[in-house]
Amino acid sequence: MKKKQAYRHTPAFILLFLAMDDLYGAALLNTLQRELPCYHTDSAVIYRSLQELEEDGSVSSYWETDIPGPAKKWYKITDKGLKKLVEFKDDIEMRMKNLEFFLDSYKKLSK
């Protein structure tokens, strides 16, 4: 499988988690790893996806400088990102129907 295909839904998961709460990059990576143990990604993919989402207006960012330690760049979903999240949901539902058909058909082969 090509790497791009392996990370096809990373932006969808990023938008989903940002719809729940604002997060900075490392917190987002930790959330993805904790909530999706079979979905392997790395910080480079997360930050590249965040950059693309920010460039297209689906997320915005702000810096947190009021806490001790280095400043953190936080991300939040925008109205455009919420619309894009619906598009991802629709796409994933369609893919799930196709995968369910595959699995059901495969089960029939082994009977």
Protein backbone atom coordinates (compact mmCIF):
# COMPACT_ATOMS: atom_id res chain seq x y z
CA MET A 1 0.00 0.00 0.00
CA LYS A 2 1.29 3.46 -0.85
CA LYS A 3 2.11 5.71 2.12
CA LYS A 4 -0.33 8.39 0.99
CA GLN A 5 -3.13 5.83 1.02
CA ALA A 6 -2.11 4.60 4.46
CA TYR A 7 -2.66 8.11 5.83
CA ARG A 8 -5.73 8.95 3.72
CA HIS A 9 -7.99 9.50 6.71
CA THR A 10 -5.51 11.29 8.97
CA PRO A 11 -7.12 14.69 8.22
CA ALA A 12 -10.54 13.21 9.05
CA PHE A 13 -9.32 11.99 12.44
CA ILE A 14 -7.57 15.30 13.11
CA LEU A 15 -10.77 17.23 12.40
CA LEU A 16 -12.78 14.80 14.52
CA PHE A 17 -10.52 15.25 17.54
CA LEU A 18 -10.34 19.03 17.02
CA ALA A 19 -14.15 19.15 16.92
CA MET A 20 -14.01 17.72 20.46
CA ASP A 21 -11.35 20.09 21.78
CA ASP A 22 -8.48 22.38 20.75
CA LEU A 23 -5.18 20.48 20.75
CA TYR A 24 -1.51 21.10 20.03
CA GLY A 25 0.42 18.78 17.71
CA ALA A 26 1.95 16.41 20.28
CA ALA A 27 -1.35 16.13 22.17
CA LEU A 28 -3.09 15.33 18.91
CA LEU A 29 -0.56 12.61 18.09
CA ASN A 30 -0.96 11.13 21.59
CA THR A 31 -4.75 11.18 21.23
CA LEU A 32 -4.57 9.42 17.85
CA GLN A 33 -2.23 6.75 19.25
CA ARG A 34 -4.35 6.23 22.37
CA GLU A 35 -7.77 6.18 20.69
CA LEU A 36 -6.76 4.36 17.49
CA PRO A 37 -4.21 1.71 18.46
CA CYS A 38 -4.31 0.08 15.01
CA TYR A 39 -3.80 3.35 13.14
CA HIS A 40 -0.08 3.98 12.97
CA THR A 41 1.14 7.46 12.16
CA ASP A 42 3.97 9.73 13.17
CA SER A 43 4.47 13.38 14.03
CA ALA A 44 5.61 14.30 10.50
CA VAL A 45 2.29 13.11 9.04
CA ILE A 46 0.33 14.92 11.76
CA TYR A 47 2.13 18.23 11.29
CA ARG A 48 1.99 18.00 7.49
CA SER A 49 -1.76 17.31 7.68
CA LEU A 50 -2.26 20.18 10.13
CA GLN A 51 -0.38 22.52 7.80
CA GLU A 52 -2.54 21.48 4.83
CA LEU A 53 -5.74 21.83 6.87
CA GLU A 54 -4.65 25.27 8.06
CA GLU A 55 -3.75 26.36 4.51
CA ASP A 56 -7.20 25.38 3.24
CA GLY A 57 -8.96 27.09 6.15
CA SER A 58 -10.26 23.96 7.89
CA VAL A 59 -8.29 24.70 11.06
CA SER A 60 -6.83 27.80 12.61
CA SER A 61 -4.03 28.06 15.12
CA TYR A 62 -2.96 30.19 18.04
CA TRP A 63 0.06 30.27 20.34
CA GLU A 64 -0.16 29.54 24.06
CA THR A 65 2.55 31.55 25.78
CA ASP A 66 1.05 32.03 29.25
CA ILE A 67 2.28 28.71 30.64
CA PRO A 68 5.79 27.77 31.77
CA GLY A 69 7.99 26.10 29.19
CA PRO A 70 8.12 26.57 25.46
CA ALA A 71 5.17 28.14 23.66
CA LYS A 72 2.76 25.67 22.07
CA LYS A 73 0.88 26.09 18.82
CA TRP A 74 -2.73 25.03 19.38
CA TYR A 75 -5.18 24.13 16.63
CA LYS A 76 -8.93 24.54 16.48
CA ILE A 77 -11.48 23.51 13.89
CA THR A 78 -13.19 26.22 11.83
CA ASP A 79 -16.66 26.31 10.26
CA LYS A 80 -15.07 25.17 7.00
CA GLY A 81 -13.44 22.29 8.91
CA LEU A 82 -16.82 21.25 10.36
CA LYS A 83 -18.23 21.11 6.82
CA LYS A 84 -15.23 19.10 5.68
CA LEU A 85 -15.76 16.73 8.63
CA VAL A 86 -19.28 15.99 7.32
CA GLU A 87 -17.78 15.22 3.89
CA PHE A 88 -15.30 12.82 5.50
CA LYS A 89 -18.16 11.16 7.43
CA ASP A 90 -20.12 10.63 4.21
CA ASP A 91 -17.05 9.23 2.44
CA ILE A 92 -16.24 6.87 5.31
CA GLU A 93 -19.85 5.62 5.46
CA MET A 94 -19.70 4.80 1.73
CA ARG A 95 -16.38 3.00 2.14
CA MET A 96 -17.75 1.05 5.10
CA LYS A 97 -20.66 -0.20 2.95
CA ASN A 98 -18.19 -1.38 0.32
CA LEU A 99 -16.02 -3.09 2.96
CA GLU A 100 -19.06 -4.73 4.57
CA PHE A 101 -20.05 -6.09 1.16
CA PHE A 102 -16.54 -7.48 0.75
CA LEU A 103 -16.53 -9.13 4.17
CA ASP A 104 -20.01 -10.59 3.73
CA SER A 105 -19.11 -11.94 0.30
CA TYR A 106 -15.86 -13.37 1.60
CA LYS A 107 -17.66 -15.18 4.45
CA LYS A 108 -19.94 -16.82 1.90
CA LEU A 109 -16.91 -18.22 0.09
CA SER A 110 -15.80 -20.18 3.12
CA LYS A 111 -19.17 -21.87 3.72
